Amino acid sequence: MFSWVAKVFGRQDSRMPWAKESRPDAHEMQRAASDLGVSVTDLERLAKKPLGSAKEMYRRLQMRGVDVAKLAAEHPRLVKDMERVCSLCEEKRRCRNDAENPDGGLWRTYCCNADSIDESHASQS
């Protein structure tokens, strides 16, 4: 999803700001947001994030023993929503630090994807 967002905004590098001459107009923004199932505000925020900004979610799913490929095939909308939530999360550093202690449940207190991750784990067990 995020590589497509970068293309929509004309970015060649995930850390580059939007190119003013290639920024979509309001109609294009609304259409792109609708196609992705997100708000225009979230689309703008996602476009500013580096590619791979949901890697913590994938790591957490793998730590819980979830087959990510199977989950994505069976529930693509869920995975996209989880990517969006993770990408917009402000707890990245905390999440990475807590990943060093996989048996601890502290991450559940701040992770907005905690319920989805646990349900995904339970559905594959």
C-alpha atoms as a PDB file:
ATOM      1  CA  MET A   1       0.000   0.000   0.000  1.00  0.00           C
ATOM      2  CA  PHE A   2       2.666   2.523   0.964  1.00  0.00           C
ATOM      3  CA  SER A   3       4.709   2.273  -2.205  1.00  0.00           C
ATOM      4  CA  TRP A   4       1.537   3.210  -4.066  1.00  0.00           C
ATOM      5  CA  VAL A   5       1.032   6.195  -1.758  1.00  0.00           C
ATOM      6  CA  ALA A   6       4.583   7.326  -2.512  1.00  0.00           C
ATOM      7  CA  LYS A   7       3.871   7.101  -6.244  1.00  0.00           C
ATOM      8  CA  VAL A   8       0.647   9.088  -5.878  1.00  0.00           C
ATOM      9  CA  PHE A   9       2.586  11.869  -4.222  1.00  0.00           C
ATOM     10  CA  GLY A  10       5.422  11.736  -6.743  1.00  0.00           C
ATOM     11  CA  ARG A  11       8.089  10.842  -4.216  1.00  0.00           C
ATOM     12  CA  GLN A  12      11.135   8.997  -5.454  1.00  0.00           C
ATOM     13  CA  ASP A  13      12.532   8.483  -1.969  1.00  0.00           C
ATOM     14  CA  SER A  14      10.435   7.759   1.100  1.00  0.00           C
ATOM     15  CA  ARG A  15      12.148  10.565   3.028  1.00  0.00           C
ATOM     16  CA  MET A  16      11.576  13.262   0.397  1.00  0.00           C
ATOM     17  CA  PRO A  17       8.830  15.830   0.922  1.00  0.00           C
ATOM     18  CA  TRP A  18       6.049  15.954  -1.618  1.00  0.00           C
ATOM     19  CA  ALA A  19       7.067  17.447  -4.911  1.00  0.00           C
ATOM     20  CA  LYS A  20       4.939  20.573  -5.229  1.00  0.00           C
ATOM     21  CA  GLU A  21       4.505  20.198  -8.988  1.00  0.00           C
ATOM     22  CA  SER A  22       3.242  16.616  -8.688  1.00  0.00           C
ATOM     23  CA  ARG A  23       1.050  16.863  -5.583  1.00  0.00           C
ATOM     24  CA  PRO A  24      -2.461  15.620  -6.365  1.00  0.00           C
ATOM     25  CA  ASP A  25      -5.358  18.055  -6.318  1.00  0.00           C
ATOM     26  CA  ALA A  26      -8.239  17.697  -3.826  1.00  0.00           C
ATOM     27  CA  HIS A  27     -10.299  15.495  -6.166  1.00  0.00           C
ATOM     28  CA  GLU A  28      -7.379  13.120  -6.756  1.00  0.00           C
ATOM     29  CA  MET A  29      -6.674  13.047  -3.023  1.00  0.00           C
ATOM     30  CA  GLN A  30     -10.269  12.102  -2.245  1.00  0.00           C
ATOM     31  CA  ARG A  31     -10.289   9.406  -4.913  1.00  0.00           C
ATOM     32  CA  ALA A  32      -6.975   7.939  -3.731  1.00  0.00           C
ATOM     33  CA  ALA A  33      -8.101   7.998  -0.097  1.00  0.00           C
ATOM     34  CA  SER A  34     -11.360   6.309  -1.039  1.00  0.00           C
ATOM     35  CA  ASP A  35      -9.534   3.652  -3.063  1.00  0.00           C
ATOM     36  CA  LEU A  36      -7.354   2.888  -0.037  1.00  0.00           C
ATOM     37  CA  GLY A  37     -10.216   3.049   2.441  1.00  0.00           C
ATOM     38  CA  VAL A  38      -8.652   5.835   4.510  1.00  0.00           C
ATOM     39  CA  SER A  39      -9.459   9.471   5.187  1.00  0.00           C
ATOM     40  CA  VAL A  40      -7.697  12.211   3.229  1.00  0.00           C
ATOM     41  CA  THR A  41      -6.038  13.301   6.482  1.00  0.00           C
ATOM     42  CA  ASP A  42      -4.679   9.789   7.074  1.00  0.00           C
ATOM     43  CA  LEU A  43      -3.547   9.556   3.448  1.00  0.00           C
ATOM     44  CA  GLU A  44      -1.594  12.795   3.836  1.00  0.00           C
ATOM     45  CA  ARG A  45      -0.048  11.547   7.089  1.00  0.00           C
ATOM     46  CA  LEU A  46       0.794   8.156   5.549  1.00  0.00           C
ATOM     47  CA  ALA A  47       2.449   9.826   2.565  1.00  0.00           C
ATOM     48  CA  LYS A  48       4.872  11.534   4.944  1.00  0.00           C
ATOM     49  CA  LYS A  49       5.878   8.249   6.594  1.00  0.00           C
ATOM     50  CA  PRO A  50       8.887   6.267   5.392  1.00  0.00           C
ATOM     51  CA  LEU A  51       8.282   3.091   3.454  1.00  0.00           C
ATOM     52  CA  GLY A  52       8.171   0.107   5.784  1.00  0.00           C
ATOM     53  CA  SER A  53       6.688   2.102   8.637  1.00  0.00           C
ATOM     54  CA  ALA A  54       4.514  -0.855   9.682  1.00  0.00           C
ATOM     55  CA  LYS A  55       7.428  -3.232  10.227  1.00  0.00           C
ATOM     56  CA  GLU A  56       6.759  -3.333  13.974  1.00  0.00           C
ATOM     57  CA  MET A  57       3.313  -4.792  13.303  1.00  0.00           C
ATOM     58  CA  TYR A  58       4.766  -7.542  11.119  1.00  0.00           C
ATOM     59  CA  ARG A  59       7.432  -8.300  13.686  1.00  0.00           C
ATOM     60  CA  ARG A  60       4.833  -8.501  16.458  1.00  0.00           C
ATOM     61  CA  LEU A  61       2.632 -10.821  14.363  1.00  0.00           C
ATOM     62  CA  GLN A  62       5.603 -13.091  13.668  1.00  0.00           C
ATOM     63  CA  MET A  63       6.551 -13.094  17.360  1.00  0.00           C
ATOM     64  CA  ARG A  64       3.026 -14.278  18.137  1.00  0.00           C
ATOM     65  CA  GLY A  65       3.390 -17.101  15.604  1.00  0.00           C
ATOM     66  CA  VAL A  66       1.002 -15.674  13.025  1.00  0.00           C
ATOM     67  CA  ASP A  67       1.522 -16.722   9.412  1.00  0.00           C
ATOM     68  CA  VAL A  68       1.468 -13.221   7.923  1.00  0.00           C
ATOM     69  CA  ALA A  69       1.106 -14.386   4.306  1.00  0.00           C
ATOM     70  CA  LYS A  70      -1.897 -16.504   5.238  1.00  0.00           C
ATOM     71  CA  LEU A  71      -3.433 -13.655   7.234  1.00  0.00           C
ATOM     72  CA  ALA A  72      -2.947 -11.228   4.333  1.00  0.00           C
ATOM     73  CA  ALA A  73      -4.499 -13.691   1.888  1.00  0.00           C
ATOM     74  CA  GLU A  74      -7.507 -14.407   4.103  1.00  0.00           C
ATOM     75  CA  HIS A  75      -8.034 -10.904   5.532  1.00  0.00           C
ATOM     76  CA  PRO A  76      -6.431  -8.297   3.245  1.00  0.00           C
ATOM     77  CA  ARG A  77      -8.545  -5.415   4.566  1.00  0.00           C
ATOM     78  CA  LEU A  78      -7.641  -6.239   8.157  1.00  0.00           C
ATOM     79  CA  VAL A  79      -3.936  -6.284   7.321  1.00  0.00           C
ATOM     80  CA  LYS A  80      -4.164  -2.968   5.461  1.00  0.00           C
ATOM     81  CA  ASP A  81      -5.988  -1.406   8.395  1.00  0.00           C
ATOM     82  CA  MET A  82      -3.402  -2.773  10.808  1.00  0.00           C
ATOM     83  CA  GLU A  83      -0.640  -1.332   8.581  1.00  0.00           C
ATOM     84  CA  ARG A  84      -2.335   2.065   8.658  1.00  0.00           C
ATOM     85  CA  VAL A  85      -2.707   1.996  12.440  1.00  0.00           C
ATOM     86  CA  CYS A  86       0.899   0.886  12.961  1.00  0.00           C
ATOM     87  CA  SER A  87       2.292   3.385  10.477  1.00  0.00           C
ATOM     88  CA  LEU A  88       0.558   6.261  12.232  1.00  0.00           C
ATOM     89  CA  CYS A  89       1.506   5.083  15.736  1.00  0.00           C
ATOM     90  CA  GLU A  90       3.585   7.376  17.923  1.00  0.00           C
ATOM     91  CA  GLU A  91       4.985   4.520  20.066  1.00  0.00           C
ATOM     92  CA  LYS A  92       7.553   3.126  17.593  1.00  0.00           C
ATOM     93  CA  ARG A  93      10.579   3.355  19.884  1.00  0.00           C
ATOM     94  CA  ARG A  94       8.676   1.860  22.809  1.00  0.00           C
ATOM     95  CA  CYS A  95       7.406  -0.964  20.609  1.00  0.00           C
ATOM     96  CA  ARG A  96      10.890  -1.797  19.340  1.00  0.00           C
ATOM     97  CA  ASN A  97      12.249  -1.792  22.895  1.00  0.00           C
ATOM     98  CA  ASP A  98       9.416  -4.017  24.155  1.00  0.00           C
ATOM     99  CA  ALA A  99      10.027  -6.448  21.299  1.00  0.00           C
ATOM    100  CA  GLU A 100      13.277  -7.339  23.025  1.00  0.00           C
ATOM    101  CA  ASN A 101      11.142  -8.883  25.800  1.00  0.00           C
ATOM    102  CA  PRO A 102       8.692 -11.010  23.808  1.00  0.00           C
ATOM    103  CA  ASP A 103       7.187 -12.672  26.886  1.00  0.00           C
ATOM    104  CA  GLY A 104       6.139  -9.370  28.438  1.00  0.00           C
ATOM    105  CA  GLY A 105       2.648  -8.116  27.790  1.00  0.00           C
ATOM    106  CA  LEU A 106       3.401  -4.425  28.246  1.00  0.00           C
ATOM    107  CA  TRP A 107       2.957  -3.724  24.525  1.00  0.00           C
ATOM    108  CA  ARG A 108      -0.742  -4.556  24.850  1.00  0.00           C
ATOM    109  CA  THR A 109      -1.227  -1.465  27.032  1.00  0.00           C
ATOM    110  CA  TYR A 110      -0.362   0.977  24.228  1.00  0.00           C
ATOM    111  CA  CYS A 111      -0.589  -0.959  20.948  1.00  0.00           C
ATOM    112  CA  CYS A 112      -3.730  -0.045  19.031  1.00  0.00           C
ATOM    113  CA  ASN A 113      -3.360  -3.307  17.084  1.00  0.00           C
ATOM    114  CA  ALA A 114      -3.074  -5.513  20.179  1.00  0.00           C
ATOM    115  CA  ASP A 115      -6.575  -6.978  19.916  1.00  0.00           C
ATOM    116  CA  SER A 116      -6.208  -7.651  16.188  1.00  0.00           C
ATOM    117  CA  ILE A 117      -2.805  -9.274  16.726  1.00  0.00           C
ATOM    118  CA  ASP A 118      -4.150 -11.470  19.517  1.00  0.00           C
ATOM    119  CA  GLU A 119      -7.248 -12.429  17.493  1.00  0.00           C
ATOM    120  CA  SER A 120      -5.066 -13.253  14.483  1.00  0.00           C
ATOM    121  CA  HIS A 121      -2.929 -15.471  16.688  1.00  0.00           C
ATOM    122  CA  ALA A 122      -5.989 -17.197  18.175  1.00  0.00           C
ATOM    123  CA  SER A 123      -7.550 -17.798  14.745  1.00  0.00           C
ATOM    124  CA  GLN A 124      -4.418 -19.561  13.501  1.00  0.00           C
ATOM    125  CA  SER A 125      -3.830 -21.653  16.623  1.00  0.00           C
END
